[in-house]
Amino acid sequence: MIHLKKSIVVIVIILLFVAVITKPTKDDYIAWVKEELKQELNAEINKGKNKEIGKQFVNLGVNMVGSFVVDNTTSCKDYLLFKVCNTNILDSKEMTALGLYNNFIRLK
């Protein structure tokens, strides 16, 4: 029984250590938001005509100005085990995500 408790404690310590060293950066978040924006905008374009041309323009636009816009409209709160980032683009598009283990989970 004592051996089992020690094993559980070791596993929890390892998981916490891994969470600390794999906490994503703000640059990781910006790249993630750009991909999310591309997916959402492309989904909207799929509803209309000239889908391929529209997708090319969306991808080009997000690639060209996305980093600048997202970086300037993003705030991140850094906690020991995770990061919470919020992006508010033009007061109409808001995203909040939890960064943990090199991944982001969209909260809003």
PDB file of N, CA and C in Angstrom:
ATOM      1  N   MET A   1       0.829  -1.197   0.000  1.00  0.00           N
ATOM      2  CA  MET A   1       0.000   0.000   0.000  1.00  0.00           C
ATOM      3  C   MET A   1       0.870   1.256   0.000  1.00  0.00           C
ATOM      4  N   ILE A   2       1.928   1.263   0.777  1.00  0.00           N
ATOM      5  CA  ILE A   2       2.826   2.417   0.818  1.00  0.00           C
ATOM      6  C   ILE A   2       3.526   2.584  -0.525  1.00  0.00           C
ATOM      7  N   HIS A   3       3.873   1.468  -1.155  1.00  0.00           N
ATOM      8  CA  HIS A   3       4.528   1.516  -2.465  1.00  0.00           C
ATOM      9  C   HIS A   3       3.602   2.149  -3.507  1.00  0.00           C
ATOM     10  N   LEU A   4       2.322   1.863  -3.428  1.00  0.00           N
ATOM     11  CA  LEU A   4       1.336   2.428  -4.350  1.00  0.00           C
ATOM     12  C   LEU A   4       1.226   3.940  -4.156  1.00  0.00           C
ATOM     13  N   LYS A   5       1.195   4.404  -2.905  1.00  0.00           N
ATOM     14  CA  LYS A   5       1.104   5.841  -2.633  1.00  0.00           C
ATOM     15  C   LYS A   5       2.343   6.566  -3.147  1.00  0.00           C
ATOM     16  N   LYS A   6       3.509   5.970  -2.969  1.00  0.00           N
ATOM     17  CA  LYS A   6       4.741   6.587  -3.472  1.00  0.00           C
ATOM     18  C   LYS A   6       4.711   6.666  -4.995  1.00  0.00           C
ATOM     19  N   SER A   7       4.211   5.625  -5.628  1.00  0.00           N
ATOM     20  CA  SER A   7       4.122   5.618  -7.089  1.00  0.00           C
ATOM     21  C   SER A   7       3.195   6.712  -7.588  1.00  0.00           C
ATOM     22  N   ILE A   8       2.079   6.891  -6.926  1.00  0.00           N
ATOM     23  CA  ILE A   8       1.125   7.930  -7.312  1.00  0.00           C
ATOM     24  C   ILE A   8       1.744   9.307  -7.129  1.00  0.00           C
ATOM     25  N   VAL A   9       2.438   9.521  -6.041  1.00  0.00           N
ATOM     26  CA  VAL A   9       3.095  10.805  -5.791  1.00  0.00           C
ATOM     27  C   VAL A   9       4.142  11.085  -6.865  1.00  0.00           C
ATOM     28  N   VAL A  10       4.920  10.097  -7.235  1.00  0.00           N
ATOM     29  CA  VAL A  10       5.938  10.262  -8.272  1.00  0.00           C
ATOM     30  C   VAL A  10       5.283  10.599  -9.612  1.00  0.00           C
ATOM     31  N   ILE A  11       4.210   9.921  -9.949  1.00  0.00           N
ATOM     32  CA  ILE A  11       3.506  10.192 -11.208  1.00  0.00           C
ATOM     33  C   ILE A  11       2.958  11.618 -11.222  1.00  0.00           C
ATOM     34  N   VAL A  12       2.368  12.060 -10.129  1.00  0.00           N
ATOM     35  CA  VAL A  12       1.827  13.419 -10.047  1.00  0.00           C
ATOM     36  C   VAL A  12       2.951  14.445 -10.189  1.00  0.00           C
ATOM     37  N   ILE A  13       4.072  14.215  -9.534  1.00  0.00           N
ATOM     38  CA  ILE A  13       5.214  15.134  -9.637  1.00  0.00           C
ATOM     39  C   ILE A  13       5.719  15.194 -11.073  1.00  0.00           C
ATOM     40  N   ILE A  14       5.800  14.061 -11.735  1.00  0.00           N
ATOM     41  CA  ILE A  14       6.248  14.027 -13.134  1.00  0.00           C
ATOM     42  C   ILE A  14       5.269  14.793 -14.021  1.00  0.00           C
ATOM     43  N   LEU A  15       3.971  14.580 -13.838  1.00  0.00           N
ATOM     44  CA  LEU A  15       2.960  15.294 -14.635  1.00  0.00           C
ATOM     45  C   LEU A  15       3.037  16.810 -14.422  1.00  0.00           C
ATOM     46  N   LEU A  16       3.247  17.233 -13.187  1.00  0.00           N
ATOM     47  CA  LEU A  16       3.369  18.655 -12.899  1.00  0.00           C
ATOM     48  C   LEU A  16       4.634  19.238 -13.531  1.00  0.00           C
ATOM     49  N   PHE A  17       5.725  18.516 -13.454  1.00  0.00           N
ATOM     50  CA  PHE A  17       6.992  18.960 -14.055  1.00  0.00           C
ATOM     51  C   PHE A  17       6.839  19.092 -15.570  1.00  0.00           C
ATOM     52  N   VAL A  18       6.220  18.098 -16.186  1.00  0.00           N
ATOM     53  CA  VAL A  18       6.011  18.135 -17.636  1.00  0.00           C
ATOM     54  C   VAL A  18       5.096  19.306 -18.016  1.00  0.00           C
ATOM     55  N   ALA A  19       4.086  19.580 -17.200  1.00  0.00           N
ATOM     56  CA  ALA A  19       3.196  20.715 -17.475  1.00  0.00           C
ATOM     57  C   ALA A  19       3.976  22.030 -17.455  1.00  0.00           C
ATOM     58  N   VAL A  20       4.890  22.176 -16.525  1.00  0.00           N
ATOM     59  CA  VAL A  20       5.686  23.399 -16.424  1.00  0.00           C
ATOM     60  C   VAL A  20       6.586  23.567 -17.647  1.00  0.00           C
ATOM     61  N   ILE A  21       7.253  22.498 -18.059  1.00  0.00           N
ATOM     62  CA  ILE A  21       8.223  22.639 -19.160  1.00  0.00           C
ATOM     63  C   ILE A  21       7.568  22.629 -20.538  1.00  0.00           C
ATOM     64  N   THR A  22       6.309  22.227 -20.631  1.00  0.00           N
ATOM     65  CA  THR A  22       5.629  22.204 -21.940  1.00  0.00           C
ATOM     66  C   THR A  22       4.543  23.279 -22.045  1.00  0.00           C
ATOM     67  N   LYS A  23       4.581  24.258 -21.151  1.00  0.00           N
ATOM     68  CA  LYS A  23       3.611  25.353 -21.214  1.00  0.00           C
ATOM     69  C   LYS A  23       3.882  26.144 -22.495  1.00  0.00           C
ATOM     70  N   PRO A  24       2.873  26.326 -23.357  1.00  0.00           N
ATOM     71  CA  PRO A  24       3.099  27.015 -24.626  1.00  0.00           C
ATOM     72  C   PRO A  24       3.420  28.502 -24.429  1.00  0.00           C
ATOM     73  N   THR A  25       4.082  29.091 -25.422  1.00  0.00           N
ATOM     74  CA  THR A  25       4.459  30.494 -25.384  1.00  0.00           C
ATOM     75  C   THR A  25       3.392  31.355 -26.058  1.00  0.00           C
ATOM     76  N   LYS A  26       3.547  32.658 -25.968  1.00  0.00           N
ATOM     77  CA  LYS A  26       2.628  33.569 -26.647  1.00  0.00           C
ATOM     78  C   LYS A  26       2.763  33.392 -28.161  1.00  0.00           C
ATOM     79  N   ASP A  27       3.976  33.168 -28.653  1.00  0.00           N
ATOM     80  CA  ASP A  27       4.161  32.927 -30.090  1.00  0.00           C
ATOM     81  C   ASP A  27       3.419  31.672 -30.543  1.00  0.00           C
ATOM     82  N   ASP A  28       3.426  30.626 -29.699  1.00  0.00           N
ATOM     83  CA  ASP A  28       2.651  29.417 -30.010  1.00  0.00           C
ATOM     84  C   ASP A  28       1.163  29.748 -30.091  1.00  0.00           C
ATOM     85  N   TYR A  29       0.716  30.596 -29.177  1.00  0.00           N
ATOM     86  CA  TYR A  29      -0.692  30.987 -29.165  1.00  0.00           C
ATOM     87  C   TYR A  29      -1.049  31.769 -30.428  1.00  0.00           C
ATOM     88  N   ILE A  30      -0.190  32.689 -30.836  1.00  0.00           N
ATOM     89  CA  ILE A  30      -0.447  33.482 -32.040  1.00  0.00           C
ATOM     90  C   ILE A  30      -0.575  32.571 -33.256  1.00  0.00           C
ATOM     91  N   ALA A  31       0.314  31.602 -33.381  1.00  0.00           N
ATOM     92  CA  ALA A  31       0.236  30.650 -34.503  1.00  0.00           C
ATOM     93  C   ALA A  31      -1.067  29.857 -34.431  1.00  0.00           C
ATOM     94  N   TRP A  32      -1.471  29.467 -33.250  1.00  0.00           N
ATOM     95  CA  TRP A  32      -2.715  28.709 -33.074  1.00  0.00           C
ATOM     96  C   TRP A  32      -3.927  29.562 -33.468  1.00  0.00           C
ATOM     97  N   VAL A  33      -3.956  30.828 -33.037  1.00  0.00           N
ATOM     98  CA  VAL A  33      -5.078  31.713 -33.365  1.00  0.00           C
ATOM     99  C   VAL A  33      -5.161  31.920 -34.869  1.00  0.00           C
ATOM    100  N   LYS A  34      -4.027  32.106 -35.527  1.00  0.00           N
ATOM    101  CA  LYS A  34      -4.036  32.283 -36.981  1.00  0.00           C
ATOM    102  C   LYS A  34      -4.663  31.074 -37.671  1.00  0.00           C
ATOM    103  N   GLU A  35      -4.328  29.880 -37.234  1.00  0.00           N
ATOM    104  CA  GLU A  35      -4.916  28.673 -37.820  1.00  0.00           C
ATOM    105  C   GLU A  35      -6.414  28.595 -37.529  1.00  0.00           C
ATOM    106  N   GLU A  36      -6.811  28.965 -36.325  1.00  0.00           N
ATOM    107  CA  GLU A  36      -8.237  28.973 -35.984  1.00  0.00           C
ATOM    108  C   GLU A  36      -8.999  29.965 -36.864  1.00  0.00           C
ATOM    109  N   LEU A  37      -8.416  31.142 -37.063  1.00  0.00           N
ATOM    110  CA  LEU A  37      -9.059  32.145 -37.918  1.00  0.00           C
ATOM    111  C   LEU A  37      -9.195  31.649 -39.351  1.00  0.00           C
ATOM    112  N   LYS A  38      -8.143  31.041 -39.870  1.00  0.00           N
ATOM    113  CA  LYS A  38      -8.194  30.500 -41.238  1.00  0.00           C
ATOM    114  C   LYS A  38      -9.323  29.482 -41.364  1.00  0.00           C
ATOM    115  N   GLN A  39      -9.408  28.576 -40.389  1.00  0.00           N
ATOM    116  CA  GLN A  39     -10.438  27.540 -40.443  1.00  0.00           C
ATOM    117  C   GLN A  39     -11.839  28.149 -40.403  1.00  0.00           C
ATOM    118  N   GLU A  40     -12.060  29.125 -39.517  1.00  0.00           N
ATOM    119  CA  GLU A  40     -13.381  29.736 -39.398  1.00  0.00           C
ATOM    120  C   GLU A  40     -13.744  30.527 -40.651  1.00  0.00           C
ATOM    121  N   LEU A  41     -12.784  31.305 -41.165  1.00  0.00           N
ATOM    122  CA  LEU A  41     -13.062  32.100 -42.358  1.00  0.00           C
ATOM    123  C   LEU A  41     -13.272  31.213 -43.584  1.00  0.00           C
ATOM    124  N   ASN A  42     -12.477  30.148 -43.689  1.00  0.00           N
ATOM    125  CA  ASN A  42     -12.655  29.220 -44.811  1.00  0.00           C
ATOM    126  C   ASN A  42     -14.001  28.500 -44.729  1.00  0.00           C
ATOM    127  N   ALA A  43     -14.453  28.218 -43.527  1.00  0.00           N
ATOM    128  CA  ALA A  43     -15.769  27.590 -43.363  1.00  0.00           C
ATOM    129  C   ALA A  43     -16.864  28.530 -43.858  1.00  0.00           C
ATOM    130  N   GLU A  44     -16.711  29.832 -43.587  1.00  0.00           N
ATOM    131  CA  GLU A  44     -17.678  30.815 -44.084  1.00  0.00           C
ATOM    132  C   GLU A  44     -17.637  30.903 -45.610  1.00  0.00           C
ATOM    133  N   ILE A  45     -16.431  30.855 -46.164  1.00  0.00           N
ATOM    134  CA  ILE A  45     -16.268  30.938 -47.625  1.00  0.00           C
ATOM    135  C   ILE A  45     -16.885  29.721 -48.304  1.00  0.00           C
ATOM    136  N   ASN A  46     -16.808  28.559 -47.662  1.00  0.00           N
ATOM    137  CA  ASN A  46     -17.362  27.340 -48.251  1.00  0.00           C
ATOM    138  C   ASN A  46     -18.867  27.444 -48.502  1.00  0.00           C
ATOM    139  N   LYS A  47     -19.495  28.388 -47.859  1.00  0.00           N
ATOM    140  CA  LYS A  47     -20.940  28.564 -48.042  1.00  0.00           C
ATOM    141  C   LYS A  47     -21.268  29.347 -49.304  1.00  0.00           C
ATOM    142  N   GLY A  48     -20.266  30.040 -49.866  1.00  0.00           N
ATOM    143  CA  GLY A  48     -20.528  30.898 -51.018  1.00  0.00           C
ATOM    144  C   GLY A  48     -19.905  30.375 -52.299  1.00  0.00           C
ATOM    145  N   LYS A  49     -19.822  31.268 -53.296  1.00  0.00           N
ATOM    146  CA  LYS A  49     -19.242  30.930 -54.587  1.00  0.00           C
ATOM    147  C   LYS A  49     -17.751  31.264 -54.576  1.00  0.00           C
ATOM    148  N   ASN A  50     -17.040  30.805 -55.609  1.00  0.00           N
ATOM    149  CA  ASN A  50     -15.611  31.072 -55.766  1.00  0.00           C
ATOM    150  C   ASN A  50     -14.817  30.673 -54.511  1.00  0.00           C
ATOM    151  N   LYS A  51     -15.064  29.486 -54.056  1.00  0.00           N
ATOM    152  CA  LYS A  51     -14.476  29.008 -52.808  1.00  0.00           C
ATOM    153  C   LYS A  51     -12.954  29.013 -52.821  1.00  0.00           C
ATOM    154  N   GLU A  52     -12.345  28.489 -53.859  1.00  0.00           N
ATOM    155  CA  GLU A  52     -10.883  28.367 -53.887  1.00  0.00           C
ATOM    156  C   GLU A  52     -10.198  29.725 -53.906  1.00  0.00           C
ATOM    157  N   ILE A  53     -10.734  30.661 -54.674  1.00  0.00           N
ATOM    158  CA  ILE A  53     -10.147  32.001 -54.719  1.00  0.00           C
ATOM    159  C   ILE A  53     -10.279  32.662 -53.354  1.00  0.00           C
ATOM    160  N   GLY A  54     -11.430  32.529 -52.745  1.00  0.00           N
ATOM    161  CA  GLY A  54     -11.649  33.100 -51.417  1.00  0.00           C
ATOM    162  C   GLY A  54     -10.704  32.528 -50.389  1.00  0.00           C
ATOM    163  N   LYS A  55     -10.505  31.210 -50.411  1.00  0.00           N
ATOM    164  CA  LYS A  55      -9.605  30.569 -49.449  1.00  0.00           C
ATOM    165  C   LYS A  55      -8.176  31.068 -49.621  1.00  0.00           C
ATOM    166  N   GLN A  56      -7.750  31.252 -50.874  1.00  0.00           N
ATOM    167  CA  GLN A  56      -6.397  31.739 -51.120  1.00  0.00           C
ATOM    168  C   GLN A  56      -6.210  33.141 -50.556  1.00  0.00           C
ATOM    169  N   PHE A  57      -7.211  33.992 -50.731  1.00  0.00           N
ATOM    170  CA  PHE A  57      -7.125  35.348 -50.187  1.00  0.00           C
ATOM    171  C   PHE A  57      -7.139  35.340 -48.657  1.00  0.00           C
ATOM    172  N   VAL A  58      -7.952  34.498 -48.067  1.00  0.00           N
ATOM    173  CA  VAL A  58      -7.998  34.403 -46.605  1.00  0.00           C
ATOM    174  C   VAL A  58      -6.646  33.951 -46.071  1.00  0.00           C
ATOM    175  N   ASN A  59      -6.107  32.882 -46.643  1.00  0.00           N
ATOM    176  CA  ASN A  59      -4.819  32.375 -46.173  1.00  0.00           C
ATOM    177  C   ASN A  59      -3.719  33.406 -46.354  1.00  0.00           C
ATOM    178  N   LEU A  60      -3.703  34.085 -47.479  1.00  0.00           N
ATOM    179  CA  LEU A  60      -2.701  35.111 -47.735  1.00  0.00           C
ATOM    180  C   LEU A  60      -2.840  36.259 -46.741  1.00  0.00           C
ATOM    181  N   GLY A  61      -4.054  36.723 -46.525  1.00  0.00           N
ATOM    182  CA  GLY A  61      -4.284  37.830 -45.598  1.00  0.00           C
ATOM    183  C   GLY A  61      -3.909  37.489 -44.172  1.00  0.00           C
ATOM    184  N   VAL A  62      -4.309  36.319 -43.719  1.00  0.00           N
ATOM    185  CA  VAL A  62      -3.989  35.913 -42.349  1.00  0.00           C
ATOM    186  C   VAL A  62      -2.483  35.726 -42.195  1.00  0.00           C
ATOM    187  N   ASN A  63      -1.831  35.157 -43.199  1.00  0.00           N
ATOM    188  CA  ASN A  63      -0.383  34.970 -43.125  1.00  0.00           C
ATOM    189  C   ASN A  63       0.354  36.305 -43.118  1.00  0.00           C
ATOM    190  N   MET A  64      -0.139  37.286 -43.895  1.00  0.00           N
ATOM    191  CA  MET A  64       0.566  38.559 -44.020  1.00  0.00           C
ATOM    192  C   MET A  64       0.399  39.455 -42.793  1.00  0.00           C
ATOM    193  N   VAL A  65      -0.818  39.618 -42.312  1.00  0.00           N
ATOM    194  CA  VAL A  65      -1.055  40.567 -41.219  1.00  0.00           C
ATOM    195  C   VAL A  65      -1.523  39.901 -39.927  1.00  0.00           C
ATOM    196  N   GLY A  66      -1.752  38.612 -39.976  1.00  0.00           N
ATOM    197  CA  GLY A  66      -2.291  37.908 -38.810  1.00  0.00           C
ATOM    198  C   GLY A  66      -1.429  38.018 -37.578  1.00  0.00           C
ATOM    199  N   SER A  67      -0.137  37.798 -37.718  1.00  0.00           N
ATOM    200  CA  SER A  67       0.753  37.838 -36.551  1.00  0.00           C
ATOM    201  C   SER A  67       0.727  39.215 -35.907  1.00  0.00           C
ATOM    202  N   PHE A  68       0.801  40.256 -36.723  1.00  0.00           N
ATOM    203  CA  PHE A  68       0.816  41.625 -36.206  1.00  0.00           C
ATOM    204  C   PHE A  68      -0.478  41.944 -35.470  1.00  0.00           C
ATOM    205  N   VAL A  69      -1.603  41.639 -36.100  1.00  0.00           N
ATOM    206  CA  VAL A  69      -2.907  41.955 -35.509  1.00  0.00           C
ATOM    207  C   VAL A  69      -3.135  41.148 -34.236  1.00  0.00           C
ATOM    208  N   VAL A  70      -2.886  39.850 -34.314  1.00  0.00           N
ATOM    209  CA  VAL A  70      -3.124  38.993 -33.141  1.00  0.00           C
ATOM    210  C   VAL A  70      -2.187  39.373 -31.999  1.00  0.00           C
ATOM    211  N   ASP A  71      -0.926  39.640 -32.306  1.00  0.00           N
ATOM    212  CA  ASP A  71       0.036  40.009 -31.260  1.00  0.00           C
ATOM    213  C   ASP A  71      -0.393  41.277 -30.542  1.00  0.00           C
ATOM    214  N   ASN A  72      -0.904  42.248 -31.290  1.00  0.00           N
ATOM    215  CA  ASN A  72      -1.285  43.530 -30.696  1.00  0.00           C
ATOM    216  C   ASN A  72      -2.656  43.516 -30.030  1.00  0.00           C
ATOM    217  N   THR A  73      -3.404  42.453 -30.183  1.00  0.00           N
ATOM    218  CA  THR A  73      -4.734  42.377 -29.565  1.00  0.00           C
ATOM    219  C   THR A  73      -4.830  41.217 -28.565  1.00  0.00           C
ATOM    220  N   THR A  74      -3.670  40.705 -28.158  1.00  0.00           N
ATOM    221  CA  THR A  74      -3.631  39.539 -27.273  1.00  0.00           C
ATOM    222  C   THR A  74      -3.013  39.888 -25.929  1.00  0.00           C
ATOM    223  N   SER A  75      -3.619  39.353 -24.885  1.00  0.00           N
ATOM    224  CA  SER A  75      -3.016  39.414 -23.553  1.00  0.00           C
ATOM    225  C   SER A  75      -3.002  37.999 -22.985  1.00  0.00           C
ATOM    226  N   CYS A  76      -1.912  37.680 -22.309  1.00  0.00           N
ATOM    227  CA  CYS A  76      -1.771  36.347 -21.718  1.00  0.00           C
ATOM    228  C   CYS A  76      -1.468  36.474 -20.233  1.00  0.00           C
ATOM    229  N   LYS A  77      -2.093  35.622 -19.457  1.00  0.00           N
ATOM    230  CA  LYS A  77      -1.779  35.512 -18.037  1.00  0.00           C
ATOM    231  C   LYS A  77      -1.032  34.205 -17.847  1.00  0.00           C
ATOM    232  N   ASP A  78       0.124  34.317 -17.280  1.00  0.00           N
ATOM    233  CA  ASP A  78       1.005  33.169 -17.136  1.00  0.00           C
ATOM    234  C   ASP A  78       0.899  32.612 -15.721  1.00  0.00           C
ATOM    235  N   TYR A  79       0.484  31.383 -15.636  1.00  0.00           N
ATOM    236  CA  TYR A  79       0.422  30.687 -14.362  1.00  0.00           C
ATOM    237  C   TYR A  79       1.511  29.624 -14.367  1.00  0.00           C
ATOM    238  N   LEU A  80       1.817  29.069 -13.253  1.00  0.00           N
ATOM    239  CA  LEU A  80       2.929  28.125 -13.166  1.00  0.00           C
ATOM    240  C   LEU A  80       2.757  26.928 -14.090  1.00  0.00           C
ATOM    241  N   LEU A  81       1.572  26.356 -14.143  1.00  0.00           N
ATOM    242  CA  LEU A  81       1.343  25.136 -14.913  1.00  0.00           C
ATOM    243  C   LEU A  81       0.701  25.365 -16.267  1.00  0.00           C
ATOM    244  N   PHE A  82       0.129  26.531 -16.483  1.00  0.00           N
ATOM    245  CA  PHE A  82      -0.584  26.791 -17.735  1.00  0.00           C
ATOM    246  C   PHE A  82      -0.609  28.281 -18.019  1.00  0.00           C
ATOM    247  N   LYS A  83      -1.155  28.635 -19.177  1.00  0.00           N
ATOM    248  CA  LYS A  83      -1.272  30.020 -19.614  1.00  0.00           C
ATOM    249  C   LYS A  83      -2.682  30.228 -20.135  1.00  0.00           C
ATOM    250  N   VAL A  84      -3.271  31.379 -19.826  1.00  0.00           N
ATOM    251  CA  VAL A  84      -4.583  31.737 -20.352  1.00  0.00           C
ATOM    252  C   VAL A  84      -4.393  32.974 -21.217  1.00  0.00           C
ATOM    253  N   CYS A  85      -4.766  32.866 -22.496  1.00  0.00           N
ATOM    254  CA  CYS A  85      -4.604  33.968 -23.448  1.00  0.00           C
ATOM    255  C   CYS A  85      -5.964  34.404 -23.963  1.00  0.00           C
ATOM    256  N   ASN A  86      -6.081  35.721 -24.170  1.00  0.00           N
ATOM    257  CA  ASN A  86      -7.315  36.301 -24.675  1.00  0.00           C
ATOM    258  C   ASN A  86      -6.968  37.221 -25.837  1.00  0.00           C
ATOM    259  N   THR A  87      -7.672  37.054 -26.943  1.00  0.00           N
ATOM    260  CA  THR A  87      -7.499  37.887 -28.123  1.00  0.00           C
ATOM    261  C   THR A  87      -8.832  38.514 -28.469  1.00  0.00           C
ATOM    262  N   ASN A  88      -8.807  39.828 -28.706  1.00  0.00           N
ATOM    263  CA  ASN A  88     -10.026  40.547 -29.051  1.00  0.00           C
ATOM    264  C   ASN A  88      -9.749  41.347 -30.314  1.00  0.00           C
ATOM    265  N   ILE A  89     -10.157  40.824 -31.457  1.00  0.00           N
ATOM    266  CA  ILE A  89      -9.903  41.448 -32.747  1.00  0.00           C
ATOM    267  C   ILE A  89     -11.107  42.299 -33.140  1.00  0.00           C
ATOM    268  N   LEU A  90     -10.884  43.603 -33.241  1.00  0.00           N
ATOM    269  CA  LEU A  90     -11.914  44.564 -33.673  1.00  0.00           C
ATOM    270  C   LEU A  90     -13.185  44.506 -32.830  1.00  0.00           C
ATOM    271  N   ASP A  91     -13.073  44.160 -31.593  1.00  0.00           N
ATOM    272  CA  ASP A  91     -14.207  44.092 -30.670  1.00  0.00           C
ATOM    273  C   ASP A  91     -15.333  43.181 -31.136  1.00  0.00           C
ATOM    274  N   SER A  92     -15.112  42.439 -32.213  1.00  0.00           N
ATOM    275  CA  SER A  92     -16.181  41.568 -32.708  1.00  0.00           C
ATOM    276  C   SER A  92     -15.782  40.099 -32.644  1.00  0.00           C
ATOM    277  N   LYS A  93     -14.514  39.826 -32.592  1.00  0.00           N
ATOM    278  CA  LYS A  93     -14.025  38.441 -32.577  1.00  0.00           C
ATOM    279  C   LYS A  93     -13.157  38.256 -31.347  1.00  0.00           C
ATOM    280  N   GLU A  94     -13.677  37.551 -30.375  1.00  0.00           N
ATOM    281  CA  GLU A  94     -12.924  37.335 -29.147  1.00  0.00           C
ATOM    282  C   GLU A  94     -12.648  35.847 -28.973  1.00  0.00           C
ATOM    283  N   MET A  95     -11.412  35.535 -28.615  1.00  0.00           N
ATOM    284  CA  MET A  95     -11.013  34.148 -28.342  1.00  0.00           C
ATOM    285  C   MET A  95     -10.286  34.103 -27.012  1.00  0.00           C
ATOM    286  N   THR A  96     -10.603  33.099 -26.236  1.00  0.00           N
ATOM    287  CA  THR A  96      -9.883  32.832 -25.000  1.00  0.00           C
ATOM    288  C   THR A  96      -9.498  31.365 -25.021  1.00  0.00           C
ATOM    289  N   ALA A  97      -8.246  31.089 -24.644  1.00  0.00           N
ATOM    290  CA  ALA A  97      -7.770  29.702 -24.680  1.00  0.00           C
ATOM    291  C   ALA A  97      -6.868  29.418 -23.499  1.00  0.00           C
ATOM    292  N   LEU A  98      -6.885  28.172 -23.102  1.00  0.00           N
ATOM    293  CA  LEU A  98      -6.027  27.657 -22.047  1.00  0.00           C
ATOM    294  C   LEU A  98      -4.872  26.916 -22.705  1.00  0.00           C
ATOM    295  N   GLY A  99      -3.649  27.324 -22.396  1.00  0.00           N
ATOM    296  CA  GLY A  99      -2.464  26.670 -22.940  1.00  0.00           C
ATOM    297  C   GLY A  99      -1.868  25.723 -21.925  1.00  0.00           C
ATOM    298  N   LEU A 100      -1.772  24.464 -22.313  1.00  0.00           N
ATOM    299  CA  LEU A 100      -1.295  23.424 -21.403  1.00  0.00           C
ATOM    300  C   LEU A 100      -0.735  22.265 -22.203  1.00  0.00           C
ATOM    301  N   TYR A 101       0.412  21.753 -21.811  1.00  0.00           N
ATOM    302  CA  TYR A 101       1.044  20.601 -22.477  1.00  0.00           C
ATOM    303  C   TYR A 101       1.203  20.822 -23.987  1.00  0.00           C
ATOM    304  N   ASN A 102       1.741  21.979 -24.371  1.00  0.00           N
ATOM    305  CA  ASN A 102       1.979  22.335 -25.784  1.00  0.00           C
ATOM    306  C   ASN A 102       0.716  22.348 -26.641  1.00  0.00           C
ATOM    307  N   ASN A 103      -0.439  22.536 -26.040  1.00  0.00           N
ATOM    308  CA  ASN A 103      -1.703  22.596 -26.743  1.00  0.00           C
ATOM    309  C   ASN A 103      -2.550  23.729 -26.209  1.00  0.00           C
ATOM    310  N   PHE A 104      -3.531  24.119 -27.003  1.00  0.00           N
ATOM    311  CA  PHE A 104      -4.485  25.126 -26.569  1.00  0.00           C
ATOM    312  C   PHE A 104      -5.882  24.550 -26.606  1.00  0.00           C
ATOM    313  N   ILE A 105      -6.646  24.878 -25.586  1.00  0.00           N
ATOM    314  CA  ILE A 105      -8.045  24.465 -25.488  1.00  0.00           C
ATOM    315  C   ILE A 105      -8.866  25.731 -25.508  1.00  0.00           C
ATOM    316  N   ARG A 106      -9.712  25.851 -26.517  1.00  0.00           N
ATOM    317  CA  ARG A 106     -10.518  27.064 -26.661  1.00  0.00           C
ATOM    318  C   ARG A 106     -11.592  27.089 -25.589  1.00  0.00           C
ATOM    319  N   LEU A 107     -11.611  28.188 -24.845  1.00  0.00           N
ATOM    320  CA  LEU A 107     -12.610  28.347 -23.792  1.00  0.00           C
ATOM    321  C   LEU A 107     -13.771  29.221 -24.241  1.00  0.00           C
ATOM    322  N   LYS A 108     -13.479  30.152 -25.166  1.00  0.00           N
ATOM    323  CA  LYS A 108     -14.512  31.088 -25.619  1.00  0.00           C
ATOM    324  C   LYS A 108     -14.235  31.499 -27.040  1.00  0.00           C
TER     325      LYS A 108
END
